[in-house]
Each structure stands twice: as C-alpha cells, then as structure tokens.
Amino acid sequence: MAIKKLKPTTPGRRGASFEDFSDITSKTPEESLIVIRKKHAGRNAQGKITVRHQGGGVKRYLRLVDFKRDKYGVPGVVKTIEYDPSRGPRLALVNYKDGEKRYMIVPVGLTVGMEVASSREAIEPKVGNAMPLEFIPVGLPVHNVELEPGQGGRLARGAGNALFIMSVDKKYAQLKLPSGEIRLVKKECLGTVGQVGNIDRRHVTLGKAGRSRYLGRRPTVRGTAMNPNDHPHGGGEGNQSIGLKHPKTKWGKNAYGVKTRSGKKQSNKLIITRRNGKKL
C-alpha cells in the first residue's frame, strides 16, 4: 500500500494524506462474518459519559476476525483482501477445504490465491501459517500471538507490528515486543508467521477535524483553556502556566509520571525487560 497526497485545493486537503487502497480486491464484506456495531458514545447504562471524546462517526459493520486460528490440519485459500474500518491492517477472507469461511489479519506478502494453514504440530513456517511458538524458527517475525494456549491472539495485531522470537527454553519462548519489552510466553501458544501488513498506515495524516469526526472522535479541549471549576489547570487572564508542581487530570489526579500498572499482576514474573529498559 502507498500513501497518496491530493492537490491542496482546500486548507483541509493541503496537509491531508490518504491510503490508496490498491491492495483491496473486494469492496463488499462476507455477509456471514459481519455484525452491526452498536454505538454508545462513551456512555454507560445510566446515560452518563464515562469515556470522553466519543460520539458520532460513520456507521460500521464489525468483521468477525479469527484470532484463534483453530482450523488445525485444514488448509485454506485466500479468496479476497478486504478493508476493515475498525482496524489498521487488511483482512483476508480465507476459504477452507471443508467449506467454512473466516477472516484473518493480512501479513506482509500474503496475496490472493495463496494457501494458509494452522497446526498444533510443526509445519512449513511460511507467511500466514499459524503454529506453536516452539516450532517457529528463532529470529522470524510473528504476529497475533496468544498469551495463554487456546485463548486467541492478543499480541501484535496492529498494522506494521511484529514480535521476534529470541529463544525457546524449557517452558517458555522469549519474545521481543514492538515496544522493546522482552517477555516470556508459553511455548505452546500459537503465533502466525510474518509481520502485520499495511505498514504505511502510520504515515496517514487526517488533515482536518472532520476526518476525526468520521472516526467517532469528538474534540479534545486543553485544561488551560477551561475555567477553574472545570479543570485544575483552568483560569487566569490570557495564556497562563498551570501553576502546579505536577500536571493534573480533570479530576485532580497526577497526569504524568504516575505508575498505572499494578505491581500485583501475575504476568510481572514473565517480563524480563520492561519497555523503558529496566530489568525486573
């Protein structure tokens, strides 16, 4: 996929860039694999806003993606490459030999007509094939990796992401995450060979507020632009500093430099090196 820029006919188009969608082979999704996406605009059952900056947006269908890849021993052929409005990478519609159809995330190099398979045993480590981490050669990029066997892929599902297998020990495979974190994952966990596709998506620039509204994002207002009763940073004449030792959230909590991860998490013992380079 390439990024295209248009002539600056309006201020909004001057800074905007777009995906060219040249890799898309079908414009209509598989009807059996879509459900209507309900909107809640960040509100709970009482109608109160619990998540700010959500609302509006274009209507979407949710594509039911196969993150488990549990069609063991049944090969499938990639029928189409499709766009998914709810995620960064493309989706491949896979037709399996037993007649079932499923969506999977498209890795770099996967094209229409290629065959993919998944297995609990060792199979050919080619792009799109899924197998336990213990059977994937060290150094190969993998994506859609499980944290627990049979749970379904949780790691490296975004456009351009990939994990790298550094080693496989007695019980665990050592993985390097895109953040730089190094952690252990059970070697029986399934991973898919290859790097997630649509790498250039990170270079897309929206260019105008309207494109954010299409995505269901409402405006974000700076605390310093508010009144004192609306935010700890608010008030003052003209441009003022926040007047505090530490930046605060809207609710008076410290905004930066505060640990948000509980020290009691069981998975802490599986992290070797945190993303900040500190070893545990």
C-alpha atoms as a PDB file:
ATOM      1  CA  MET A   1       0.000   0.000   0.000  1.00  0.00           C
ATOM      2  CA  ALA A   2       1.160   3.509  -0.774  1.00  0.00           C
ATOM      3  CA  ILE A   3       0.228   6.888   0.651  1.00  0.00           C
ATOM      4  CA  LYS A   4      -1.187   9.469  -1.731  1.00  0.00           C
ATOM      5  CA  LYS A   5      -1.493  13.237  -1.422  1.00  0.00           C
ATOM      6  CA  LEU A   6      -4.003  15.360  -3.294  1.00  0.00           C
ATOM      7  CA  LYS A   7      -3.696  18.833  -4.740  1.00  0.00           C
ATOM      8  CA  PRO A   8      -4.138  21.472  -1.993  1.00  0.00           C
ATOM      9  CA  THR A   9      -7.499  22.707  -3.304  1.00  0.00           C
ATOM     10  CA  THR A  10      -8.719  23.421   0.262  1.00  0.00           C
ATOM     11  CA  PRO A  11      -6.960  24.001   3.620  1.00  0.00           C
ATOM     12  CA  GLY A  12      -8.154  20.583   4.797  1.00  0.00           C
ATOM     13  CA  ARG A  13      -6.675  18.807   1.802  1.00  0.00           C
ATOM     14  CA  ARG A  14      -3.368  20.667   1.928  1.00  0.00           C
ATOM     15  CA  GLY A  15      -1.993  18.681   4.861  1.00  0.00           C
ATOM     16  CA  ALA A  16      -4.028  15.506   4.400  1.00  0.00           C
ATOM     17  CA  SER A  17      -2.821  12.183   3.081  1.00  0.00           C
ATOM     18  CA  PHE A  18      -4.755   9.044   2.220  1.00  0.00           C
ATOM     19  CA  GLU A  19      -4.311   5.318   1.717  1.00  0.00           C
ATOM     20  CA  ASP A  20      -4.541   4.379  -1.952  1.00  0.00           C
ATOM     21  CA  PHE A  21      -6.351   1.032  -1.323  1.00  0.00           C
ATOM     22  CA  SER A  22      -4.598  -0.533  -4.306  1.00  0.00           C
ATOM     23  CA  ASP A  23      -4.281  -3.811  -2.385  1.00  0.00           C
ATOM     24  CA  ILE A  24      -8.058  -4.180  -1.865  1.00  0.00           C
ATOM     25  CA  THR A  25      -9.649  -6.827  -4.099  1.00  0.00           C
ATOM     26  CA  SER A  26     -13.266  -6.750  -2.840  1.00  0.00           C
ATOM     27  CA  LYS A  27     -15.434  -3.846  -1.696  1.00  0.00           C
ATOM     28  CA  THR A  28     -18.248  -5.855  -0.075  1.00  0.00           C
ATOM     29  CA  PRO A  29     -17.681  -7.915   3.086  1.00  0.00           C
ATOM     30  CA  GLU A  30     -18.772 -11.532   3.581  1.00  0.00           C
ATOM     31  CA  GLU A  31     -22.331 -11.292   4.954  1.00  0.00           C
ATOM     32  CA  SER A  32     -21.982 -14.294   7.253  1.00  0.00           C
ATOM     33  CA  LEU A  33     -18.997 -12.703   9.014  1.00  0.00           C
ATOM     34  CA  ILE A  34     -20.341  -9.245   9.904  1.00  0.00           C
ATOM     35  CA  VAL A  35     -22.470  -7.865  12.745  1.00  0.00           C
ATOM     36  CA  ILE A  36     -23.816  -4.358  13.343  1.00  0.00           C
ATOM     37  CA  ARG A  37     -21.566  -2.229  15.538  1.00  0.00           C
ATOM     38  CA  LYS A  38     -23.639  -0.599  18.269  1.00  0.00           C
ATOM     39  CA  LYS A  39     -22.710   2.897  19.366  1.00  0.00           C
ATOM     40  CA  HIS A  40     -22.695   4.101  22.971  1.00  0.00           C
ATOM     41  CA  ALA A  41     -20.843   7.426  22.596  1.00  0.00           C
ATOM     42  CA  GLY A  42     -18.834   6.715  25.754  1.00  0.00           C
ATOM     43  CA  ARG A  43     -21.956   6.487  27.941  1.00  0.00           C
ATOM     44  CA  ASN A  44     -22.906   3.816  30.458  1.00  0.00           C
ATOM     45  CA  ALA A  45     -26.328   2.310  31.196  1.00  0.00           C
ATOM     46  CA  GLN A  46     -27.318   5.458  33.114  1.00  0.00           C
ATOM     47  CA  GLY A  47     -26.506   7.652  30.129  1.00  0.00           C
ATOM     48  CA  LYS A  48     -23.548   9.258  31.887  1.00  0.00           C
ATOM     49  CA  ILE A  49     -20.315   9.893  29.975  1.00  0.00           C
ATOM     50  CA  THR A  50     -17.678   7.523  31.344  1.00  0.00           C
ATOM     51  CA  VAL A  51     -15.267   7.846  28.391  1.00  0.00           C
ATOM     52  CA  ARG A  52     -14.859  11.335  26.989  1.00  0.00           C
ATOM     53  CA  HIS A  53     -14.335  12.395  23.376  1.00  0.00           C
ATOM     54  CA  GLN A  54     -16.507   9.685  21.808  1.00  0.00           C
ATOM     55  CA  GLY A  55     -19.602  10.108  19.650  1.00  0.00           C
ATOM     56  CA  GLY A  56     -20.836  10.433  16.097  1.00  0.00           C
ATOM     57  CA  GLY A  57     -18.840   8.696  13.413  1.00  0.00           C
ATOM     58  CA  VAL A  58     -19.778   6.738  10.317  1.00  0.00           C
ATOM     59  CA  LYS A  59     -21.908   3.612  10.680  1.00  0.00           C
ATOM     60  CA  ARG A  60     -19.858   0.405  10.563  1.00  0.00           C
ATOM     61  CA  TYR A  61     -20.195  -3.344  10.484  1.00  0.00           C
ATOM     62  CA  LEU A  62     -17.859  -5.307  12.732  1.00  0.00           C
ATOM     63  CA  ARG A  63     -15.960  -8.044  10.907  1.00  0.00           C
ATOM     64  CA  LEU A  64     -15.662 -11.280  12.915  1.00  0.00           C
ATOM     65  CA  VAL A  65     -11.935 -11.976  12.758  1.00  0.00           C
ATOM     66  CA  ASP A  66     -10.493 -15.404  13.523  1.00  0.00           C
ATOM     67  CA  PHE A  67      -7.810 -14.671  16.121  1.00  0.00           C
ATOM     68  CA  LYS A  68      -7.757 -18.260  17.397  1.00  0.00           C
ATOM     69  CA  ARG A  69      -6.697 -19.856  14.067  1.00  0.00           C
ATOM     70  CA  ASP A  70      -8.021 -23.192  15.364  1.00  0.00           C
ATOM     71  CA  LYS A  71      -8.729 -24.836  11.984  1.00  0.00           C
ATOM     72  CA  TYR A  72      -5.988 -27.378  12.629  1.00  0.00           C
ATOM     73  CA  GLY A  73      -4.987 -29.529   9.677  1.00  0.00           C
ATOM     74  CA  VAL A  74      -7.491 -27.893   7.305  1.00  0.00           C
ATOM     75  CA  PRO A  75      -5.771 -25.806   4.608  1.00  0.00           C
ATOM     76  CA  GLY A  76      -7.431 -22.679   3.279  1.00  0.00           C
ATOM     77  CA  VAL A  77      -7.010 -20.427   0.255  1.00  0.00           C
ATOM     78  CA  VAL A  78      -7.067 -16.621   0.387  1.00  0.00           C
ATOM     79  CA  LYS A  79     -10.104 -15.530  -1.613  1.00  0.00           C
ATOM     80  CA  THR A  80     -10.042 -11.731  -1.187  1.00  0.00           C
ATOM     81  CA  ILE A  81      -8.157  -8.939   0.554  1.00  0.00           C
ATOM     82  CA  GLU A  82     -10.607  -6.526   2.197  1.00  0.00           C
ATOM     83  CA  TYR A  83     -10.658  -3.209   4.053  1.00  0.00           C
ATOM     84  CA  ASP A  84     -11.754  -3.166   7.694  1.00  0.00           C
ATOM     85  CA  PRO A  85     -12.889   0.247   9.008  1.00  0.00           C
ATOM     86  CA  SER A  86     -12.400  -0.885  12.614  1.00  0.00           C
ATOM     87  CA  ARG A  87      -8.692  -1.755  12.421  1.00  0.00           C
ATOM     88  CA  GLY A  88      -5.434  -0.773  10.734  1.00  0.00           C
ATOM     89  CA  PRO A  89      -4.429  -3.948   8.852  1.00  0.00           C
ATOM     90  CA  ARG A  90      -6.325  -5.514   5.961  1.00  0.00           C
ATOM     91  CA  LEU A  91      -8.388  -8.685   6.322  1.00  0.00           C
ATOM     92  CA  ALA A  92      -8.089 -11.788   4.167  1.00  0.00           C
ATOM     93  CA  LEU A  93     -11.182 -13.894   3.507  1.00  0.00           C
ATOM     94  CA  VAL A  94      -9.972 -17.494   3.705  1.00  0.00           C
ATOM     95  CA  ASN A  95     -11.983 -20.340   2.145  1.00  0.00           C
ATOM     96  CA  TYR A  96     -11.169 -23.616   3.910  1.00  0.00           C
ATOM     97  CA  LYS A  97     -11.425 -27.014   2.238  1.00  0.00           C
ATOM     98  CA  ASP A  98     -14.342 -28.046   4.478  1.00  0.00           C
ATOM     99  CA  GLY A  99     -16.373 -25.095   3.118  1.00  0.00           C
ATOM    100  CA  GLU A 100     -16.023 -22.722   6.084  1.00  0.00           C
ATOM    101  CA  LYS A 101     -15.038 -19.076   5.566  1.00  0.00           C
ATOM    102  CA  ARG A 102     -13.076 -16.992   8.052  1.00  0.00           C
ATOM    103  CA  TYR A 103     -11.346 -13.630   8.207  1.00  0.00           C
ATOM    104  CA  MET A 104      -7.691 -13.375   9.223  1.00  0.00           C
ATOM    105  CA  ILE A 105      -5.271 -10.452   9.537  1.00  0.00           C
ATOM    106  CA  VAL A 106      -3.173  -9.962   6.407  1.00  0.00           C
ATOM    107  CA  PRO A 107       0.599 -10.154   6.962  1.00  0.00           C
ATOM    108  CA  VAL A 108       3.154  -8.639   4.602  1.00  0.00           C
ATOM    109  CA  GLY A 109       3.457 -10.802   1.486  1.00  0.00           C
ATOM    110  CA  LEU A 110       0.085 -12.582   1.682  1.00  0.00           C
ATOM    111  CA  THR A 111      -1.850 -12.310  -1.590  1.00  0.00           C
ATOM    112  CA  VAL A 112      -4.988 -13.722  -3.179  1.00  0.00           C
ATOM    113  CA  GLY A 113      -4.628 -17.394  -4.145  1.00  0.00           C
ATOM    114  CA  MET A 114      -2.028 -18.251  -1.511  1.00  0.00           C
ATOM    115  CA  GLU A 115      -2.646 -21.185   0.828  1.00  0.00           C
ATOM    116  CA  VAL A 116      -2.558 -20.849   4.610  1.00  0.00           C
ATOM    117  CA  ALA A 117      -2.783 -23.429   7.364  1.00  0.00           C
ATOM    118  CA  SER A 118      -2.639 -23.780  11.130  1.00  0.00           C
ATOM    119  CA  SER A 119      -1.462 -26.705  13.193  1.00  0.00           C
ATOM    120  CA  ARG A 120      -0.513 -27.793  16.692  1.00  0.00           C
ATOM    121  CA  GLU A 121       2.490 -29.533  15.144  1.00  0.00           C
ATOM    122  CA  ALA A 122       5.419 -28.206  13.118  1.00  0.00           C
ATOM    123  CA  ILE A 123       4.509 -27.110   9.585  1.00  0.00           C
ATOM    124  CA  GLU A 124       6.262 -25.009   6.952  1.00  0.00           C
ATOM    125  CA  PRO A 125       6.996 -21.590   8.543  1.00  0.00           C
ATOM    126  CA  LYS A 126       5.722 -19.523   5.625  1.00  0.00           C
ATOM    127  CA  VAL A 127       3.797 -16.241   5.781  1.00  0.00           C
ATOM    128  CA  GLY A 128       0.265 -16.696   7.141  1.00  0.00           C
ATOM    129  CA  ASN A 129       0.797 -20.125   8.708  1.00  0.00           C
ATOM    130  CA  ALA A 130      -0.008 -20.469  12.417  1.00  0.00           C
ATOM    131  CA  MET A 131       1.696 -22.892  14.799  1.00  0.00           C
ATOM    132  CA  PRO A 132       3.012 -23.033  18.390  1.00  0.00           C
ATOM    133  CA  LEU A 133       5.955 -20.731  19.087  1.00  0.00           C
ATOM    134  CA  GLU A 134       8.233 -23.695  19.854  1.00  0.00           C
ATOM    135  CA  PHE A 135       8.115 -24.742  16.168  1.00  0.00           C
ATOM    136  CA  ILE A 136       8.763 -21.297  14.646  1.00  0.00           C
ATOM    137  CA  PRO A 137      12.462 -20.678  13.830  1.00  0.00           C
ATOM    138  CA  VAL A 138      14.261 -18.172  16.056  1.00  0.00           C
ATOM    139  CA  GLY A 139      14.523 -14.703  14.504  1.00  0.00           C
ATOM    140  CA  LEU A 140      11.381 -14.917  12.361  1.00  0.00           C
ATOM    141  CA  PRO A 141       8.782 -12.142  12.806  1.00  0.00           C
ATOM    142  CA  VAL A 142       5.457 -13.346  14.202  1.00  0.00           C
ATOM    143  CA  HIS A 143       2.121 -11.683  14.952  1.00  0.00           C
ATOM    144  CA  ASN A 144      -1.269 -12.488  16.507  1.00  0.00           C
ATOM    145  CA  VAL A 145       0.436 -14.301  19.397  1.00  0.00           C
ATOM    146  CA  GLU A 146      -1.535 -15.835  22.260  1.00  0.00           C
ATOM    147  CA  LEU A 147      -0.798 -15.128  25.937  1.00  0.00           C
ATOM    148  CA  GLU A 148      -2.442 -18.400  27.003  1.00  0.00           C
ATOM    149  CA  PRO A 149      -2.845 -21.516  24.815  1.00  0.00           C
ATOM    150  CA  GLY A 150      -6.267 -21.553  23.119  1.00  0.00           C
ATOM    151  CA  GLN A 151      -7.088 -18.004  24.197  1.00  0.00           C
ATOM    152  CA  GLY A 152      -6.711 -16.430  20.767  1.00  0.00           C
ATOM    153  CA  GLY A 153      -4.130 -13.908  19.577  1.00  0.00           C
ATOM    154  CA  ARG A 154      -3.544 -10.875  21.789  1.00  0.00           C
ATOM    155  CA  LEU A 155      -0.094  -9.528  20.885  1.00  0.00           C
ATOM    156  CA  ALA A 156       0.982  -7.746  17.677  1.00  0.00           C
ATOM    157  CA  ARG A 157      -2.326  -7.284  15.875  1.00  0.00           C
ATOM    158  CA  GLY A 158      -1.934  -3.659  14.708  1.00  0.00           C
ATOM    159  CA  ALA A 159      -0.733  -2.527  11.289  1.00  0.00           C
ATOM    160  CA  GLY A 160       3.025  -2.967  10.860  1.00  0.00           C
ATOM    161  CA  ASN A 161       3.548  -4.766  14.178  1.00  0.00           C
ATOM    162  CA  ALA A 162       5.670  -7.866  14.679  1.00  0.00           C
ATOM    163  CA  LEU A 163       7.272  -9.800  17.520  1.00  0.00           C
ATOM    164  CA  PHE A 164      10.602 -11.574  17.267  1.00  0.00           C
ATOM    165  CA  ILE A 165      11.388 -14.925  18.856  1.00  0.00           C
ATOM    166  CA  MET A 166      14.714 -14.599  20.655  1.00  0.00           C
ATOM    167  CA  SER A 167      14.914 -18.089  22.153  1.00  0.00           C
ATOM    168  CA  VAL A 168      12.847 -21.069  23.296  1.00  0.00           C
ATOM    169  CA  ASP A 169      13.580 -22.592  26.708  1.00  0.00           C
ATOM    170  CA  LYS A 170      12.032 -25.473  28.642  1.00  0.00           C
ATOM    171  CA  LYS A 171       8.559 -23.990  29.116  1.00  0.00           C
ATOM    172  CA  TYR A 172       8.686 -20.567  27.503  1.00  0.00           C
ATOM    173  CA  ALA A 173       9.555 -18.686  24.341  1.00  0.00           C
ATOM    174  CA  GLN A 174      11.324 -15.363  24.811  1.00  0.00           C
ATOM    175  CA  LEU A 175       9.731 -12.617  22.691  1.00  0.00           C
ATOM    176  CA  LYS A 176      10.808  -9.087  21.885  1.00  0.00           C
ATOM    177  CA  LEU A 177       7.758  -6.804  21.600  1.00  0.00           C
ATOM    178  CA  PRO A 178       7.487  -3.705  19.364  1.00  0.00           C
ATOM    179  CA  SER A 179       7.793  -1.530  22.496  1.00  0.00           C
ATOM    180  CA  GLY A 180      11.202  -3.060  23.269  1.00  0.00           C
ATOM    181  CA  GLU A 181       9.821  -5.104  26.154  1.00  0.00           C
ATOM    182  CA  ILE A 182      11.178  -8.647  26.410  1.00  0.00           C
ATOM    183  CA  ARG A 183       8.834 -11.182  27.950  1.00  0.00           C
ATOM    184  CA  LEU A 184       8.204 -14.899  28.256  1.00  0.00           C
ATOM    185  CA  VAL A 185       5.196 -16.600  26.665  1.00  0.00           C
ATOM    186  CA  LYS A 186       4.340 -20.289  26.963  1.00  0.00           C
ATOM    187  CA  LYS A 187       5.853 -22.130  24.024  1.00  0.00           C
ATOM    188  CA  GLU A 188       2.526 -23.894  23.309  1.00  0.00           C
ATOM    189  CA  CYS A 189       0.919 -20.541  22.449  1.00  0.00           C
ATOM    190  CA  LEU A 190       0.005 -20.072  18.798  1.00  0.00           C
ATOM    191  CA  GLY A 191       1.644 -17.418  16.639  1.00  0.00           C
ATOM    192  CA  THR A 192       1.267 -16.528  12.972  1.00  0.00           C
ATOM    193  CA  VAL A 193       4.374 -16.169  10.819  1.00  0.00           C
ATOM    194  CA  GLY A 194       5.020 -12.744   9.302  1.00  0.00           C
ATOM    195  CA  GLN A 195       4.688  -9.042  10.045  1.00  0.00           C
ATOM    196  CA  VAL A 196       1.245  -7.437  10.057  1.00  0.00           C
ATOM    197  CA  GLY A 197       0.619  -5.684   6.746  1.00  0.00           C
ATOM    198  CA  ASN A 198      -0.429  -2.139   5.804  1.00  0.00           C
ATOM    199  CA  ILE A 199       2.839  -0.797   7.240  1.00  0.00           C
ATOM    200  CA  ASP A 200       2.441   2.679   5.696  1.00  0.00           C
ATOM    201  CA  ARG A 201      -0.745   3.414   7.622  1.00  0.00           C
ATOM    202  CA  ARG A 202       1.274   5.248  10.278  1.00  0.00           C
ATOM    203  CA  HIS A 203       2.086   7.930   7.683  1.00  0.00           C
ATOM    204  CA  VAL A 204      -1.564   8.861   7.025  1.00  0.00           C
ATOM    205  CA  THR A 205      -2.402  12.416   8.152  1.00  0.00           C
ATOM    206  CA  LEU A 206      -6.063  13.293   8.726  1.00  0.00           C
ATOM    207  CA  GLY A 207      -5.564  16.943   7.758  1.00  0.00           C
ATOM    208  CA  LYS A 208      -8.822  18.309   9.173  1.00  0.00           C
ATOM    209  CA  ALA A 209     -11.068  17.899  12.209  1.00  0.00           C
ATOM    210  CA  GLY A 210     -13.863  16.475  10.069  1.00  0.00           C
ATOM    211  CA  ARG A 211     -11.964  13.274   9.349  1.00  0.00           C
ATOM    212  CA  SER A 212     -11.608  12.756  13.100  1.00  0.00           C
ATOM    213  CA  ARG A 213     -15.364  13.138  13.462  1.00  0.00           C
ATOM    214  CA  TYR A 214     -15.926  10.441  10.809  1.00  0.00           C
ATOM    215  CA  LEU A 215     -13.946   8.103  13.085  1.00  0.00           C
ATOM    216  CA  GLY A 216     -16.184   8.844  16.064  1.00  0.00           C
ATOM    217  CA  ARG A 217     -13.763  11.139  17.874  1.00  0.00           C
ATOM    218  CA  ARG A 218     -15.133  14.308  19.459  1.00  0.00           C
ATOM    219  CA  PRO A 219     -12.976  17.380  20.171  1.00  0.00           C
ATOM    220  CA  THR A 220     -10.429  17.435  22.998  1.00  0.00           C
ATOM    221  CA  VAL A 221     -10.129  20.710  24.937  1.00  0.00           C
ATOM    222  CA  ARG A 222      -6.945  21.732  26.785  1.00  0.00           C
ATOM    223  CA  GLY A 223      -7.207  22.145  30.534  1.00  0.00           C
ATOM    224  CA  THR A 224      -5.581  25.593  30.369  1.00  0.00           C
ATOM    225  CA  ALA A 225      -8.406  26.777  28.101  1.00  0.00           C
ATOM    226  CA  MET A 226     -11.053  25.889  30.718  1.00  0.00           C
ATOM    227  CA  ASN A 227     -12.405  27.693  33.758  1.00  0.00           C
ATOM    228  CA  PRO A 228     -11.107  26.900  37.273  1.00  0.00           C
ATOM    229  CA  ASN A 229     -14.268  24.963  38.131  1.00  0.00           C
ATOM    230  CA  ASP A 230     -13.809  22.720  35.077  1.00  0.00           C
ATOM    231  CA  HIS A 231     -10.136  21.780  35.389  1.00  0.00           C
ATOM    232  CA  PRO A 232      -7.199  22.225  37.829  1.00  0.00           C
ATOM    233  CA  HIS A 233      -5.268  23.959  35.016  1.00  0.00           C
ATOM    234  CA  GLY A 234      -8.096  26.402  34.284  1.00  0.00           C
ATOM    235  CA  GLY A 235      -8.471  30.115  34.964  1.00  0.00           C
ATOM    236  CA  GLY A 236      -6.202  33.114  34.669  1.00  0.00           C
ATOM    237  CA  GLU A 237      -6.103  36.000  32.229  1.00  0.00           C
ATOM    238  CA  GLY A 238      -4.816  35.086  28.788  1.00  0.00           C
ATOM    239  CA  ASN A 239      -2.178  32.396  28.498  1.00  0.00           C
ATOM    240  CA  GLN A 240      -1.168  31.208  31.947  1.00  0.00           C
ATOM    241  CA  SER A 241       1.022  28.416  33.225  1.00  0.00           C
ATOM    242  CA  ILE A 242      -0.799  25.666  35.071  1.00  0.00           C
ATOM    243  CA  GLY A 243       0.627  26.971  38.359  1.00  0.00           C
ATOM    244  CA  LEU A 244       1.110  23.483  39.765  1.00  0.00           C
ATOM    245  CA  LYS A 245       4.118  21.350  40.536  1.00  0.00           C
ATOM    246  CA  HIS A 246       2.718  18.457  38.508  1.00  0.00           C
ATOM    247  CA  PRO A 247       0.162  18.447  35.650  1.00  0.00           C
ATOM    248  CA  LYS A 248      -3.222  17.182  36.802  1.00  0.00           C
ATOM    249  CA  THR A 249      -6.101  15.336  35.178  1.00  0.00           C
ATOM    250  CA  LYS A 250      -9.571  16.847  35.055  1.00  0.00           C
ATOM    251  CA  TRP A 251     -10.261  15.108  38.364  1.00  0.00           C
ATOM    252  CA  GLY A 252      -7.168  16.367  40.177  1.00  0.00           C
ATOM    253  CA  LYS A 253      -5.001  13.252  39.873  1.00  0.00           C
ATOM    254  CA  ASN A 254      -1.378  13.467  38.726  1.00  0.00           C
ATOM    255  CA  ALA A 255      -1.344  13.192  34.928  1.00  0.00           C
ATOM    256  CA  TYR A 256       2.257  12.221  34.190  1.00  0.00           C
ATOM    257  CA  GLY A 257       4.912  10.112  35.862  1.00  0.00           C
ATOM    258  CA  VAL A 258       2.403   8.012  37.774  1.00  0.00           C
ATOM    259  CA  LYS A 259       2.524   4.228  37.617  1.00  0.00           C
ATOM    260  CA  THR A 260      -0.681   2.878  36.114  1.00  0.00           C
ATOM    261  CA  ARG A 261       0.236  -0.806  36.282  1.00  0.00           C
ATOM    262  CA  SER A 262      -0.487  -2.786  39.447  1.00  0.00           C
ATOM    263  CA  GLY A 263       2.558  -4.458  40.979  1.00  0.00           C
ATOM    264  CA  LYS A 264       0.445  -7.497  41.835  1.00  0.00           C
ATOM    265  CA  LYS A 265      -0.105  -8.679  38.266  1.00  0.00           C
ATOM    266  CA  GLN A 266       0.751 -12.338  37.794  1.00  0.00           C
ATOM    267  CA  SER A 267       2.335 -11.633  34.407  1.00  0.00           C
ATOM    268  CA  ASN A 268       5.029  -9.438  36.000  1.00  0.00           C
ATOM    269  CA  LYS A 269       7.146 -12.507  36.641  1.00  0.00           C
ATOM    270  CA  LEU A 270       7.132 -13.254  32.882  1.00  0.00           C
ATOM    271  CA  ILE A 271       8.551  -9.842  31.924  1.00  0.00           C
ATOM    272  CA  ILE A 272      12.341  -9.889  31.643  1.00  0.00           C
ATOM    273  CA  THR A 273      12.954  -6.317  30.475  1.00  0.00           C
ATOM    274  CA  ARG A 274      10.384  -3.512  30.566  1.00  0.00           C
ATOM    275  CA  ARG A 275       9.948  -1.161  27.619  1.00  0.00           C
ATOM    276  CA  ASN A 276      11.945   1.513  29.454  1.00  0.00           C
ATOM    277  CA  GLY A 277      14.958  -0.821  29.501  1.00  0.00           C
ATOM    278  CA  LYS A 278      14.709  -1.682  33.190  1.00  0.00           C
ATOM    279  CA  LYS A 279      15.143  -5.326  34.066  1.00  0.00           C
ATOM    280  CA  LEU A 280      12.750  -6.946  36.529  1.00  0.00           C
END
